[in-house]
Amino acid sequence: RIYRLLKAEYERHDAPIVEFVKVQTGSVFKVLLATILSARTKDRT
């Protein structure tokens, strides 16, 4: 039940940046770089 509720809510918002990078680039390399950059940093930054 929690998973379904969270998923429905998730679909109403922008994806987290690392997922966006994966969709935009398809690159594991870029996912790794973005993930390293994302630590303790807001998604927009």
PDB file of all heavy atoms in Angstrom:
ATOM      1  N   ARG A   1       0.838  -1.210   0.000  1.00  0.00           N
ATOM      2  CA  ARG A   1       0.000   0.000   0.000  1.00  0.00           C
ATOM      3  C   ARG A   1       0.872   1.260   0.000  1.00  0.00           C
ATOM      4  O   ARG A   1       0.605   2.202  -0.743  1.00  0.00           O
ATOM      5  CB  ARG A   1      -0.935   0.001   1.211  1.00  0.00           C
ATOM      6  CG  ARG A   1      -2.116  -0.936   1.059  1.00  0.00           C
ATOM      7  CD  ARG A   1      -3.167  -0.722   2.127  1.00  0.00           C
ATOM      8  NE  ARG A   1      -2.643  -0.872   3.486  1.00  0.00           N
ATOM      9  CZ  ARG A   1      -2.462  -2.021   4.132  1.00  0.00           C
ATOM     10  NH1 ARG A   1      -2.751  -3.157   3.523  1.00  0.00           N
ATOM     11  NH2 ARG A   1      -1.997  -2.047   5.365  1.00  0.00           N
ATOM     12  N   ILE A   2       1.894   1.277   0.836  1.00  0.00           N
ATOM     13  CA  ILE A   2       2.796   2.434   0.898  1.00  0.00           C
ATOM     14  C   ILE A   2       3.476   2.640  -0.447  1.00  0.00           C
ATOM     15  O   ILE A   2       3.562   3.758  -0.949  1.00  0.00           O
ATOM     16  CB  ILE A   2       3.837   2.251   2.030  1.00  0.00           C
ATOM     17  CG1 ILE A   2       3.138   2.350   3.392  1.00  0.00           C
ATOM     18  CG2 ILE A   2       4.958   3.264   1.909  1.00  0.00           C
ATOM     19  CD1 ILE A   2       4.016   1.937   4.558  1.00  0.00           C
ATOM     20  N   TYR A   3       3.932   1.551  -1.054  1.00  0.00           N
ATOM     21  CA  TYR A   3       4.627   1.635  -2.345  1.00  0.00           C
ATOM     22  C   TYR A   3       3.706   2.234  -3.412  1.00  0.00           C
ATOM     23  O   TYR A   3       4.100   3.115  -4.172  1.00  0.00           O
ATOM     24  CB  TYR A   3       5.111   0.243  -2.753  1.00  0.00           C
ATOM     25  CG  TYR A   3       6.019   0.241  -3.946  1.00  0.00           C
ATOM     26  CD1 TYR A   3       7.377   0.514  -3.811  1.00  0.00           C
ATOM     27  CD2 TYR A   3       5.543  -0.050  -5.220  1.00  0.00           C
ATOM     28  CE1 TYR A   3       8.231   0.505  -4.893  1.00  0.00           C
ATOM     29  CE2 TYR A   3       6.386  -0.060  -6.320  1.00  0.00           C
ATOM     30  CZ  TYR A   3       7.731   0.218  -6.142  1.00  0.00           C
ATOM     31  OH  TYR A   3       8.575   0.213  -7.223  1.00  0.00           O
ATOM     32  N   ARG A   4       2.460   1.771  -3.461  1.00  0.00           N
ATOM     33  CA  ARG A   4       1.500   2.284  -4.452  1.00  0.00           C
ATOM     34  C   ARG A   4       1.234   3.782  -4.237  1.00  0.00           C
ATOM     35  O   ARG A   4       1.181   4.557  -5.194  1.00  0.00           O
ATOM     36  CB  ARG A   4       0.189   1.505  -4.397  1.00  0.00           C
ATOM     37  CG  ARG A   4       0.247   0.157  -5.086  1.00  0.00           C
ATOM     38  CD  ARG A   4      -1.134  -0.455  -5.258  1.00  0.00           C
ATOM     39  NE  ARG A   4      -1.908  -0.535  -4.025  1.00  0.00           N
ATOM     40  CZ  ARG A   4      -1.867  -1.538  -3.160  1.00  0.00           C
ATOM     41  NH1 ARG A   4      -1.098  -2.587  -3.397  1.00  0.00           N
ATOM     42  NH2 ARG A   4      -2.620  -1.525  -2.077  1.00  0.00           N
ATOM     43  N   LEU A   5       1.048   4.183  -2.977  1.00  0.00           N
ATOM     44  CA  LEU A   5       0.794   5.598  -2.677  1.00  0.00           C
ATOM     45  C   LEU A   5       1.991   6.476  -3.047  1.00  0.00           C
ATOM     46  O   LEU A   5       1.836   7.547  -3.647  1.00  0.00           O
ATOM     47  CB  LEU A   5       0.475   5.770  -1.187  1.00  0.00           C
ATOM     48  CG  LEU A   5      -0.881   5.240  -0.731  1.00  0.00           C
ATOM     49  CD1 LEU A   5      -0.955   5.217   0.794  1.00  0.00           C
ATOM     50  CD2 LEU A   5      -2.013   6.063  -1.316  1.00  0.00           C
ATOM     51  N   LEU A   6       3.183   6.016  -2.687  1.00  0.00           N
ATOM     52  CA  LEU A   6       4.389   6.782  -3.012  1.00  0.00           C
ATOM     53  C   LEU A   6       4.599   6.875  -4.519  1.00  0.00           C
ATOM     54  O   LEU A   6       4.980   7.924  -5.033  1.00  0.00           O
ATOM     55  CB  LEU A   6       5.616   6.149  -2.349  1.00  0.00           C
ATOM     56  CG  LEU A   6       5.722   6.304  -0.838  1.00  0.00           C
ATOM     57  CD1 LEU A   6       6.828   5.407  -0.293  1.00  0.00           C
ATOM     58  CD2 LEU A   6       5.957   7.753  -0.453  1.00  0.00           C
ATOM     59  N   LYS A   7       4.344   5.782  -5.216  1.00  0.00           N
ATOM     60  CA  LYS A   7       4.513   5.772  -6.670  1.00  0.00           C
ATOM     61  C   LYS A   7       3.545   6.760  -7.335  1.00  0.00           C
ATOM     62  O   LYS A   7       3.932   7.521  -8.228  1.00  0.00           O
ATOM     63  CB  LYS A   7       4.303   4.368  -7.230  1.00  0.00           C
ATOM     64  CG  LYS A   7       4.521   4.286  -8.719  1.00  0.00           C
ATOM     65  CD  LYS A   7       4.344   2.877  -9.237  1.00  0.00           C
ATOM     66  CE  LYS A   7       4.594   2.860 -10.742  1.00  0.00           C
ATOM     67  NZ  LYS A   7       4.289   1.562 -11.326  1.00  0.00           N
ATOM     68  N   ALA A   8       2.290   6.753  -6.881  1.00  0.00           N
ATOM     69  CA  ALA A   8       1.297   7.669  -7.452  1.00  0.00           C
ATOM     70  C   ALA A   8       1.706   9.119  -7.212  1.00  0.00           C
ATOM     71  O   ALA A   8       1.588   9.969  -8.105  1.00  0.00           O
ATOM     72  CB  ALA A   8      -0.074   7.390  -6.848  1.00  0.00           C
ATOM     73  N   GLU A   9       2.192   9.409  -6.019  1.00  0.00           N
ATOM     74  CA  GLU A   9       2.645  10.765  -5.703  1.00  0.00           C
ATOM     75  C   GLU A   9       3.886  11.133  -6.527  1.00  0.00           C
ATOM     76  O   GLU A   9       4.000  12.242  -7.036  1.00  0.00           O
ATOM     77  CB  GLU A   9       2.938  10.884  -4.206  1.00  0.00           C
ATOM     78  CG  GLU A   9       3.271  12.272  -3.742  1.00  0.00           C
ATOM     79  CD  GLU A   9       2.133  13.269  -3.913  1.00  0.00           C
ATOM     80  OE1 GLU A   9       0.948  12.869  -3.986  1.00  0.00           O
ATOM     81  OE2 GLU A   9       2.448  14.469  -3.997  1.00  0.00           O
ATOM     82  N   TYR A  10       4.809  10.190  -6.659  1.00  0.00           N
ATOM     83  CA  TYR A  10       6.044  10.400  -7.426  1.00  0.00           C
ATOM     84  C   TYR A  10       5.727  10.814  -8.860  1.00  0.00           C
ATOM     85  O   TYR A  10       6.371  11.700  -9.424  1.00  0.00           O
ATOM     86  CB  TYR A  10       6.863   9.108  -7.411  1.00  0.00           C
ATOM     87  CG  TYR A  10       8.023   9.069  -8.359  1.00  0.00           C
ATOM     88  CD1 TYR A  10       9.253   9.617  -8.005  1.00  0.00           C
ATOM     89  CD2 TYR A  10       7.908   8.463  -9.616  1.00  0.00           C
ATOM     90  CE1 TYR A  10      10.332   9.577  -8.867  1.00  0.00           C
ATOM     91  CE2 TYR A  10       8.982   8.414 -10.478  1.00  0.00           C
ATOM     92  CZ  TYR A  10      10.194   8.970 -10.110  1.00  0.00           C
ATOM     93  OH  TYR A  10      11.248   8.932 -10.968  1.00  0.00           O
ATOM     94  N   GLU A  11       4.740  10.186  -9.439  1.00  0.00           N
ATOM     95  CA  GLU A  11       4.399  10.437 -10.836  1.00  0.00           C
ATOM     96  C   GLU A  11       3.827  11.837 -11.059  1.00  0.00           C
ATOM     97  O   GLU A  11       3.743  12.295 -12.185  1.00  0.00           O
ATOM     98  CB  GLU A  11       3.444   9.354 -11.338  1.00  0.00           C
ATOM     99  CG  GLU A  11       4.158   8.015 -11.452  1.00  0.00           C
ATOM    100  CD  GLU A  11       3.251   6.827 -11.724  1.00  0.00           C
ATOM    101  OE1 GLU A  11       2.000   6.975 -11.695  1.00  0.00           O
ATOM    102  OE2 GLU A  11       3.790   5.731 -11.951  1.00  0.00           O
ATOM    103  N   ARG A  12       3.489  12.527  -9.984  1.00  0.00           N
ATOM    104  CA  ARG A  12       2.960  13.892 -10.079  1.00  0.00           C
ATOM    105  C   ARG A  12       4.064  14.947 -10.045  1.00  0.00           C
ATOM    106  O   ARG A  12       3.792  16.130 -10.215  1.00  0.00           O
ATOM    107  CB  ARG A  12       1.983  14.146  -8.937  1.00  0.00           C
ATOM    108  CG  ARG A  12       0.751  13.266  -8.994  1.00  0.00           C
ATOM    109  CD  ARG A  12      -0.188  13.468  -7.826  1.00  0.00           C
ATOM    110  NE  ARG A  12      -0.591  14.855  -7.719  1.00  0.00           N
ATOM    111  CZ  ARG A  12      -0.593  15.534  -6.575  1.00  0.00           C
ATOM    112  NH1 ARG A  12      -0.214  14.965  -5.457  1.00  0.00           N
ATOM    113  NH2 ARG A  12      -0.982  16.790  -6.543  1.00  0.00           N
ATOM    114  N   HIS A  13       5.324  14.542  -9.823  1.00  0.00           N
ATOM    115  CA  HIS A  13       6.424  15.491  -9.649  1.00  0.00           C
ATOM    116  C   HIS A  13       7.562  15.183 -10.622  1.00  0.00           C
ATOM    117  O   HIS A  13       7.591  14.139 -11.247  1.00  0.00           O
ATOM    118  CB  HIS A  13       6.947  15.434  -8.206  1.00  0.00           C
ATOM    119  CG  HIS A  13       5.889  15.710  -7.190  1.00  0.00           C
ATOM    120  ND1 HIS A  13       5.421  16.972  -6.939  1.00  0.00           N
ATOM    121  CD2 HIS A  13       5.195  14.883  -6.377  1.00  0.00           C
ATOM    122  CE1 HIS A  13       4.480  16.915  -6.021  1.00  0.00           C
ATOM    123  NE2 HIS A  13       4.319  15.654  -5.660  1.00  0.00           N
ATOM    124  N   ASP A  14       8.521  16.091 -10.681  1.00  0.00           N
ATOM    125  CA  ASP A  14       9.715  15.862 -11.492  1.00  0.00           C
ATOM    126  C   ASP A  14      10.536  14.736 -10.883  1.00  0.00           C
ATOM    127  O   ASP A  14      10.614  14.599  -9.663  1.00  0.00           O
ATOM    128  CB  ASP A  14      10.587  17.121 -11.551  1.00  0.00           C
ATOM    129  CG  ASP A  14       9.918  18.251 -12.331  1.00  0.00           C
ATOM    130  OD1 ASP A  14       9.061  17.948 -13.186  1.00  0.00           O
ATOM    131  OD2 ASP A  14      10.254  19.415 -12.076  1.00  0.00           O
ATOM    132  N   ALA A  15      11.170  13.968 -11.736  1.00  0.00           N
ATOM    133  CA  ALA A  15      12.043  12.886 -11.278  1.00  0.00           C
ATOM    134  C   ALA A  15      13.284  13.470 -10.612  1.00  0.00           C
ATOM    135  O   ALA A  15      13.735  14.550 -10.985  1.00  0.00           O
ATOM    136  CB  ALA A  15      12.457  12.006 -12.454  1.00  0.00           C
ATOM    137  N   PRO A  16      13.836  12.757  -9.640  1.00  0.00           N
ATOM    138  CA  PRO A  16      15.122  13.194  -9.070  1.00  0.00           C
ATOM    139  C   PRO A  16      16.174  13.305 -10.180  1.00  0.00           C
ATOM    140  O   PRO A  16      16.113  12.613 -11.197  1.00  0.00           O
ATOM    141  CB  PRO A  16      15.461  12.083  -8.077  1.00  0.00           C
ATOM    142  CG  PRO A  16      14.130  11.508  -7.685  1.00  0.00           C
ATOM    143  CD  PRO A  16      13.307  11.578  -8.954  1.00  0.00           C
ATOM    144  N   ILE A  17      17.152  14.160  -9.966  1.00  0.00           N
ATOM    145  CA  ILE A  17      18.122  14.505 -11.005  1.00  0.00           C
ATOM    146  C   ILE A  17      18.847  13.302 -11.595  1.00  0.00           C
ATOM    147  O   ILE A  17      19.057  13.233 -12.808  1.00  0.00           O
ATOM    148  CB  ILE A  17      19.146  15.570 -10.503  1.00  0.00           C
ATOM    149  CG1 ILE A  17      20.117  15.962 -11.634  1.00  0.00           C
ATOM    150  CG2 ILE A  17      19.914  15.073  -9.302  1.00  0.00           C
ATOM    151  CD1 ILE A  17      19.481  16.479 -12.888  1.00  0.00           C
ATOM    152  N   VAL A  18      19.227  12.343 -10.786  1.00  0.00           N
ATOM    153  CA  VAL A  18      19.994  11.219 -11.319  1.00  0.00           C
ATOM    154  C   VAL A  18      19.154  10.415 -12.305  1.00  0.00           C
ATOM    155  O   VAL A  18      19.645   9.986 -13.348  1.00  0.00           O
ATOM    156  CB  VAL A  18      20.544  10.334 -10.174  1.00  0.00           C
ATOM    157  CG1 VAL A  18      21.222   9.093 -10.713  1.00  0.00           C
ATOM    158  CG2 VAL A  18      21.530  11.136  -9.321  1.00  0.00           C
ATOM    159  N   GLU A  19      17.888  10.254 -12.020  1.00  0.00           N
ATOM    160  CA  GLU A  19      17.004   9.563 -12.967  1.00  0.00           C
ATOM    161  C   GLU A  19      16.824  10.384 -14.241  1.00  0.00           C
ATOM    162  O   GLU A  19      16.768   9.825 -15.336  1.00  0.00           O
ATOM    163  CB  GLU A  19      15.658   9.285 -12.315  1.00  0.00           C
ATOM    164  CG  GLU A  19      15.769   8.249 -11.226  1.00  0.00           C
ATOM    165  CD  GLU A  19      14.442   7.954 -10.596  1.00  0.00           C
ATOM    166  OE1 GLU A  19      13.411   7.966 -11.302  1.00  0.00           O
ATOM    167  OE2 GLU A  19      14.437   7.702  -9.389  1.00  0.00           O
ATOM    168  N   PHE A  20      16.735  11.683 -14.089  1.00  0.00           N
ATOM    169  CA  PHE A  20      16.623  12.564 -15.247  1.00  0.00           C
ATOM    170  C   PHE A  20      17.855  12.428 -16.137  1.00  0.00           C
ATOM    171  O   PHE A  20      17.744  12.346 -17.363  1.00  0.00           O
ATOM    172  CB  PHE A  20      16.427  14.011 -14.787  1.00  0.00           C
ATOM    173  CG  PHE A  20      16.218  14.979 -15.907  1.00  0.00           C
ATOM    174  CD1 PHE A  20      15.036  14.995 -16.625  1.00  0.00           C
ATOM    175  CD2 PHE A  20      17.216  15.884 -16.251  1.00  0.00           C
ATOM    176  CE1 PHE A  20      14.838  15.892 -17.662  1.00  0.00           C
ATOM    177  CE2 PHE A  20      17.040  16.782 -17.287  1.00  0.00           C
ATOM    178  CZ  PHE A  20      15.848  16.793 -17.996  1.00  0.00           C
ATOM    179  N   VAL A  21      19.034  12.384 -15.523  1.00  0.00           N
ATOM    180  CA  VAL A  21      20.281  12.210 -16.282  1.00  0.00           C
ATOM    181  C   VAL A  21      20.248  10.893 -17.045  1.00  0.00           C
ATOM    182  O   VAL A  21      20.620  10.840 -18.217  1.00  0.00           O
ATOM    183  CB  VAL A  21      21.514  12.285 -15.349  1.00  0.00           C
ATOM    184  CG1 VAL A  21      22.774  11.790 -16.044  1.00  0.00           C
ATOM    185  CG2 VAL A  21      21.708  13.717 -14.853  1.00  0.00           C
ATOM    186  N   LYS A  22      19.783   9.831 -16.411  1.00  0.00           N
ATOM    187  CA  LYS A  22      19.718   8.523 -17.077  1.00  0.00           C
ATOM    188  C   LYS A  22      18.788   8.583 -18.286  1.00  0.00           C
ATOM    189  O   LYS A  22      19.136   8.117 -19.378  1.00  0.00           O
ATOM    190  CB  LYS A  22      19.263   7.445 -16.080  1.00  0.00           C
ATOM    191  CG  LYS A  22      19.034   6.088 -16.698  1.00  0.00           C
ATOM    192  CD  LYS A  22      20.287   5.485 -17.291  1.00  0.00           C
ATOM    193  CE  LYS A  22      19.968   4.093 -17.800  1.00  0.00           C
ATOM    194  NZ  LYS A  22      21.083   3.253 -18.007  1.00  0.00           N
ATOM    195  N   VAL A  23      17.618   9.176 -18.106  1.00  0.00           N
ATOM    196  CA  VAL A  23      16.646   9.272 -19.207  1.00  0.00           C
ATOM    197  C   VAL A  23      17.196  10.150 -20.332  1.00  0.00           C
ATOM    198  O   VAL A  23      17.081   9.817 -21.509  1.00  0.00           O
ATOM    199  CB  VAL A  23      15.293   9.823 -18.693  1.00  0.00           C
ATOM    200  CG1 VAL A  23      14.375  10.187 -19.847  1.00  0.00           C
ATOM    201  CG2 VAL A  23      14.629   8.810 -17.773  1.00  0.00           C
ATOM    202  N   GLN A  24      17.809  11.275 -19.982  1.00  0.00           N
ATOM    203  CA  GLN A  24      18.315  12.216 -20.980  1.00  0.00           C
ATOM    204  C   GLN A  24      19.530  11.698 -21.733  1.00  0.00           C
ATOM    205  O   GLN A  24      19.690  11.978 -22.907  1.00  0.00           O
ATOM    206  CB  GLN A  24      18.663  13.552 -20.314  1.00  0.00           C
ATOM    207  CG  GLN A  24      17.458  14.332 -19.867  1.00  0.00           C
ATOM    208  CD  GLN A  24      16.635  14.831 -21.043  1.00  0.00           C
ATOM    209  OE1 GLN A  24      17.149  15.455 -21.956  1.00  0.00           O
ATOM    210  NE2 GLN A  24      15.355  14.549 -21.022  1.00  0.00           N
ATOM    211  N   THR A  25      20.416  10.978 -21.024  1.00  0.00           N
ATOM    212  CA  THR A  25      21.692  10.611 -21.637  1.00  0.00           C
ATOM    213  C   THR A  25      21.862   9.125 -21.902  1.00  0.00           C
ATOM    214  O   THR A  25      22.636   8.739 -22.770  1.00  0.00           O
ATOM    215  CB  THR A  25      22.877  11.064 -20.748  1.00  0.00           C
ATOM    216  OG1 THR A  25      22.905  10.270 -19.560  1.00  0.00           O
ATOM    217  CG2 THR A  25      22.778  12.536 -20.404  1.00  0.00           C
ATOM    218  N   GLY A  26      21.196   8.282 -21.119  1.00  0.00           N
ATOM    219  CA  GLY A  26      21.379   6.835 -21.244  1.00  0.00           C
ATOM    220  C   GLY A  26      22.776   6.377 -20.858  1.00  0.00           C
ATOM    221  O   GLY A  26      23.159   5.245 -21.132  1.00  0.00           O
ATOM    222  N   SER A  27      23.536   7.230 -20.195  1.00  0.00           N
ATOM    223  CA  SER A  27      24.943   6.969 -19.912  1.00  0.00           C
ATOM    224  C   SER A  27      25.170   6.628 -18.436  1.00  0.00           C
ATOM    225  O   SER A  27      24.912   7.464 -17.565  1.00  0.00           O
ATOM    226  CB  SER A  27      25.766   8.207 -20.277  1.00  0.00           C
ATOM    227  OG  SER A  27      27.059   8.128 -19.742  1.00  0.00           O
ATOM    228  N   VAL A  28      25.690   5.440 -18.183  1.00  0.00           N
ATOM    229  CA  VAL A  28      26.045   5.055 -16.814  1.00  0.00           C
ATOM    230  C   VAL A  28      27.161   5.974 -16.300  1.00  0.00           C
ATOM    231  O   VAL A  28      27.177   6.358 -15.131  1.00  0.00           O
ATOM    232  CB  VAL A  28      26.461   3.575 -16.736  1.00  0.00           C
ATOM    233  CG1 VAL A  28      26.962   3.216 -15.339  1.00  0.00           C
ATOM    234  CG2 VAL A  28      25.310   2.668 -17.139  1.00  0.00           C
ATOM    235  N   PHE A  29      28.091   6.341 -17.166  1.00  0.00           N
ATOM    236  CA  PHE A  29      29.171   7.250 -16.799  1.00  0.00           C
ATOM    237  C   PHE A  29      28.598   8.568 -16.262  1.00  0.00           C
ATOM    238  O   PHE A  29      28.996   9.057 -15.211  1.00  0.00           O
ATOM    239  CB  PHE A  29      30.067   7.504 -18.022  1.00  0.00           C
ATOM    240  CG  PHE A  29      31.099   8.573 -17.832  1.00  0.00           C
ATOM    241  CD1 PHE A  29      32.200   8.364 -17.006  1.00  0.00           C
ATOM    242  CD2 PHE A  29      30.981   9.791 -18.483  1.00  0.00           C
ATOM    243  CE1 PHE A  29      33.160   9.358 -16.832  1.00  0.00           C
ATOM    244  CE2 PHE A  29      31.941  10.785 -18.325  1.00  0.00           C
ATOM    245  CZ  PHE A  29      33.031  10.568 -17.488  1.00  0.00           C
ATOM    246  N   LYS A  30      27.643   9.141 -16.973  1.00  0.00           N
ATOM    247  CA  LYS A  30      27.057  10.405 -16.544  1.00  0.00           C
ATOM    248  C   LYS A  30      26.192  10.230 -15.299  1.00  0.00           C
ATOM    249  O   LYS A  30      26.131  11.137 -14.455  1.00  0.00           O
ATOM    250  CB  LYS A  30      26.285  11.050 -17.695  1.00  0.00           C
ATOM    251  CG  LYS A  30      27.227  11.555 -18.782  1.00  0.00           C
ATOM    252  CD  LYS A  30      26.499  12.170 -19.950  1.00  0.00           C
ATOM    253  CE  LYS A  30      27.511  12.643 -21.001  1.00  0.00           C
ATOM    254  NZ  LYS A  30      26.864  13.179 -22.182  1.00  0.00           N
ATOM    255  N   VAL A  31      25.545   9.094 -15.163  1.00  0.00           N
ATOM    256  CA  VAL A  31      24.803   8.806 -13.929  1.00  0.00           C
ATOM    257  C   VAL A  31      25.761   8.791 -12.743  1.00  0.00           C
ATOM    258  O   VAL A  31      25.476   9.365 -11.690  1.00  0.00           O
ATOM    259  CB  VAL A  31      24.029   7.467 -14.034  1.00  0.00           C
ATOM    260  CG1 VAL A  31      23.535   6.989 -12.670  1.00  0.00           C
ATOM    261  CG2 VAL A  31      22.861   7.599 -15.006  1.00  0.00           C
ATOM    262  N   LEU A  32      26.928   8.155 -12.913  1.00  0.00           N
ATOM    263  CA  LEU A  32      27.923   8.118 -11.846  1.00  0.00           C
ATOM    264  C   LEU A  32      28.380   9.538 -11.493  1.00  0.00           C
ATOM    265  O   LEU A  32      28.420   9.910 -10.309  1.00  0.00           O
ATOM    266  CB  LEU A  32      29.123   7.265 -12.253  1.00  0.00           C
ATOM    267  CG  LEU A  32      30.314   7.247 -11.281  1.00  0.00           C
ATOM    268  CD1 LEU A  32      29.907   6.721  -9.909  1.00  0.00           C
ATOM    269  CD2 LEU A  32      31.452   6.414 -11.869  1.00  0.00           C
ATOM    270  N   LEU A  33      28.705  10.341 -12.479  1.00  0.00           N
ATOM    271  CA  LEU A  33      29.154  11.708 -12.207  1.00  0.00           C
ATOM    272  C   LEU A  33      28.064  12.520 -11.513  1.00  0.00           C
ATOM    273  O   LEU A  33      28.337  13.210 -10.523  1.00  0.00           O
ATOM    274  CB  LEU A  33      29.583  12.413 -13.499  1.00  0.00           C
ATOM    275  CG  LEU A  33      30.769  11.834 -14.264  1.00  0.00           C
ATOM    276  CD1 LEU A  33      31.143  12.745 -15.425  1.00  0.00           C
ATOM    277  CD2 LEU A  33      31.968  11.592 -13.378  1.00  0.00           C
ATOM    278  N   ALA A  34      26.848  12.448 -12.016  1.00  0.00           N
ATOM    279  CA  ALA A  34      25.748  13.212 -11.418  1.00  0.00           C
ATOM    280  C   ALA A  34      25.483  12.762  -9.984  1.00  0.00           C
ATOM    281  O   ALA A  34      25.186  13.584  -9.112  1.00  0.00           O
ATOM    282  CB  ALA A  34      24.488  13.069 -12.262  1.00  0.00           C
ATOM    283  N   THR A  35      25.606  11.461  -9.739  1.00  0.00           N
ATOM    284  CA  THR A  35      25.366  10.951  -8.398  1.00  0.00           C
ATOM    285  C   THR A  35      26.435  11.449  -7.428  1.00  0.00           C
ATOM    286  O   THR A  35      26.126  11.833  -6.300  1.00  0.00           O
ATOM    287  CB  THR A  35      25.305   9.411  -8.405  1.00  0.00           C
ATOM    288  OG1 THR A  35      24.335   8.991  -9.369  1.00  0.00           O
ATOM    289  CG2 THR A  35      24.888   8.870  -7.055  1.00  0.00           C
ATOM    290  N   ILE A  36      27.680  11.466  -7.867  1.00  0.00           N
ATOM    291  CA  ILE A  36      28.756  12.008  -7.029  1.00  0.00           C
ATOM    292  C   ILE A  36      28.487  13.483  -6.734  1.00  0.00           C
ATOM    293  O   ILE A  36      28.611  13.938  -5.600  1.00  0.00           O
ATOM    294  CB  ILE A  36      30.134  11.808  -7.696  1.00  0.00           C
ATOM    295  CG1 ILE A  36      30.503  10.313  -7.701  1.00  0.00           C
ATOM    296  CG2 ILE A  36      31.205  12.631  -6.988  1.00  0.00           C
ATOM    297  CD1 ILE A  36      31.729   9.965  -8.544  1.00  0.00           C
ATOM    298  N   LEU A  37      28.079  14.233  -7.747  1.00  0.00           N
ATOM    299  CA  LEU A  37      27.793  15.657  -7.552  1.00  0.00           C
ATOM    300  C   LEU A  37      26.601  15.890  -6.633  1.00  0.00           C
ATOM    301  O   LEU A  37      26.544  16.891  -5.914  1.00  0.00           O
ATOM    302  CB  LEU A  37      27.530  16.346  -8.893  1.00  0.00           C
ATOM    303  CG  LEU A  37      28.672  16.422  -9.889  1.00  0.00           C
ATOM    304  CD1 LEU A  37      28.210  17.124 -11.163  1.00  0.00           C
ATOM    305  CD2 LEU A  37      29.874  17.125  -9.290  1.00  0.00           C
ATOM    306  N   SER A  38      25.654  14.981  -6.630  1.00  0.00           N
ATOM    307  CA  SER A  38      24.388  15.199  -5.920  1.00  0.00           C
ATOM    308  C   SER A  38      24.488  15.101  -4.401  1.00  0.00           C
ATOM    309  O   SER A  38      23.604  15.591  -3.698  1.00  0.00           O
ATOM    310  CB  SER A  38      23.332  14.212  -6.427  1.00  0.00           C
ATOM    311  OG  SER A  38      23.587  12.902  -5.936  1.00  0.00           O
ATOM    312  N   ALA A  39      25.536  14.496  -3.884  1.00  0.00           N
ATOM    313  CA  ALA A  39      25.645  14.325  -2.430  1.00  0.00           C
ATOM    314  C   ALA A  39      25.610  15.681  -1.729  1.00  0.00           C
ATOM    315  O   ALA A  39      26.375  16.586  -2.072  1.00  0.00           O
ATOM    316  CB  ALA A  39      26.924  13.576  -2.083  1.00  0.00           C
ATOM    317  N   ARG A  40      24.691  15.813  -0.798  1.00  0.00           N
ATOM    318  CA  ARG A  40      24.535  17.037   0.002  1.00  0.00           C
ATOM    319  C   ARG A  40      24.331  18.286  -0.848  1.00  0.00           C
ATOM    320  O   ARG A  40      24.821  19.366  -0.526  1.00  0.00           O
ATOM    321  CB  ARG A  40      25.710  17.219   0.942  1.00  0.00           C
ATOM    322  CG  ARG A  40      25.787  16.140   1.980  1.00  0.00           C
ATOM    323  CD  ARG A  40      26.842  16.429   2.967  1.00  0.00           C
ATOM    324  NE  ARG A  40      26.792  15.438   4.036  1.00  0.00           N
ATOM    325  CZ  ARG A  40      27.491  15.534   5.137  1.00  0.00           C
ATOM    326  NH1 ARG A  40      28.289  16.556   5.314  1.00  0.00           N
ATOM    327  NH2 ARG A  40      27.415  14.606   6.055  1.00  0.00           N
ATOM    328  N   THR A  41      23.616  18.107  -1.950  1.00  0.00           N
ATOM    329  CA  THR A  41      23.350  19.217  -2.856  1.00  0.00           C
ATOM    330  C   THR A  41      21.921  19.098  -3.370  1.00  0.00           C
ATOM    331  O   THR A  41      21.473  18.004  -3.707  1.00  0.00           O
ATOM    332  CB  THR A  41      24.337  19.195  -4.049  1.00  0.00           C
ATOM    333  OG1 THR A  41      25.672  19.222  -3.541  1.00  0.00           O
ATOM    334  CG2 THR A  41      24.133  20.374  -4.969  1.00  0.00           C
ATOM    335  N   LYS A  42      21.227  20.201  -3.450  1.00  0.00           N
ATOM    336  CA  LYS A  42      19.851  20.183  -3.964  1.00  0.00           C
ATOM    337  C   LYS A  42      19.849  19.809  -5.444  1.00  0.00           C
ATOM    338  O   LYS A  42      20.786  20.109  -6.172  1.00  0.00           O
ATOM    339  CB  LYS A  42      19.196  21.546  -3.766  1.00  0.00           C
ATOM    340  CG  LYS A  42      18.967  21.878  -2.296  1.00  0.00           C
ATOM    341  CD  LYS A  42      18.146  23.132  -2.178  1.00  0.00           C
ATOM    342  CE  LYS A  42      17.905  23.519  -0.736  1.00  0.00           C
ATOM    343  NZ  LYS A  42      17.071  22.629   0.014  1.00  0.00           N
ATOM    344  N   ASP A  43      18.770  19.158  -5.869  1.00  0.00           N
ATOM    345  CA  ASP A  43      18.671  18.681  -7.246  1.00  0.00           C
ATOM    346  C   ASP A  43      18.840  19.797  -8.279  1.00  0.00           C
ATOM    347  O   ASP A  43      19.483  19.592  -9.306  1.00  0.00           O
ATOM    348  CB  ASP A  43      17.332  17.967  -7.475  1.00  0.00           C
ATOM    349  CG  ASP A  43      17.418  16.473  -7.198  1.00  0.00           C
ATOM    350  OD1 ASP A  43      18.448  16.010  -6.673  1.00  0.00           O
ATOM    351  OD2 ASP A  43      16.449  15.760  -7.528  1.00  0.00           O
ATOM    352  N   ARG A  44      18.272  20.948  -8.030  1.00  0.00           N
ATOM    353  CA  ARG A  44      18.363  22.042  -9.006  1.00  0.00           C
ATOM    354  C   ARG A  44      19.823  22.449  -9.214  1.00  0.00           C
ATOM    355  O   ARG A  44      20.280  22.648 -10.342  1.00  0.00           O
ATOM    356  CB  ARG A  44      17.532  23.234  -8.540  1.00  0.00           C
ATOM    357  CG  ARG A  44      17.603  24.399  -9.509  1.00  0.00           C
ATOM    358  CD  ARG A  44      16.621  25.457  -9.168  1.00  0.00           C
ATOM    359  NE  ARG A  44      15.298  24.916  -9.515  1.00  0.00           N
ATOM    360  CZ  ARG A  44      14.154  25.424  -9.117  1.00  0.00           C
ATOM    361  NH1 ARG A  44      14.141  26.488  -8.356  1.00  0.00           N
ATOM    362  NH2 ARG A  44      13.007  24.887  -9.481  1.00  0.00           N
ATOM    363  N   THR A  45      20.576  22.541  -8.136  1.00  0.00           N
ATOM    364  CA  THR A  45      21.998  22.897  -8.218  1.00  0.00           C
ATOM    365  C   THR A  45      22.780  21.788  -8.905  1.00  0.00           C
ATOM    366  O   THR A  45      23.636  22.046  -9.759  1.00  0.00           O
ATOM    367  CB  THR A  45      22.560  23.159  -6.801  1.00  0.00           C
ATOM    368  OG1 THR A  45      21.791  24.199  -6.196  1.00  0.00           O
ATOM    369  CG2 THR A  45      24.023  23.550  -6.840  1.00  0.00           C
TER     370      THR A  45
END
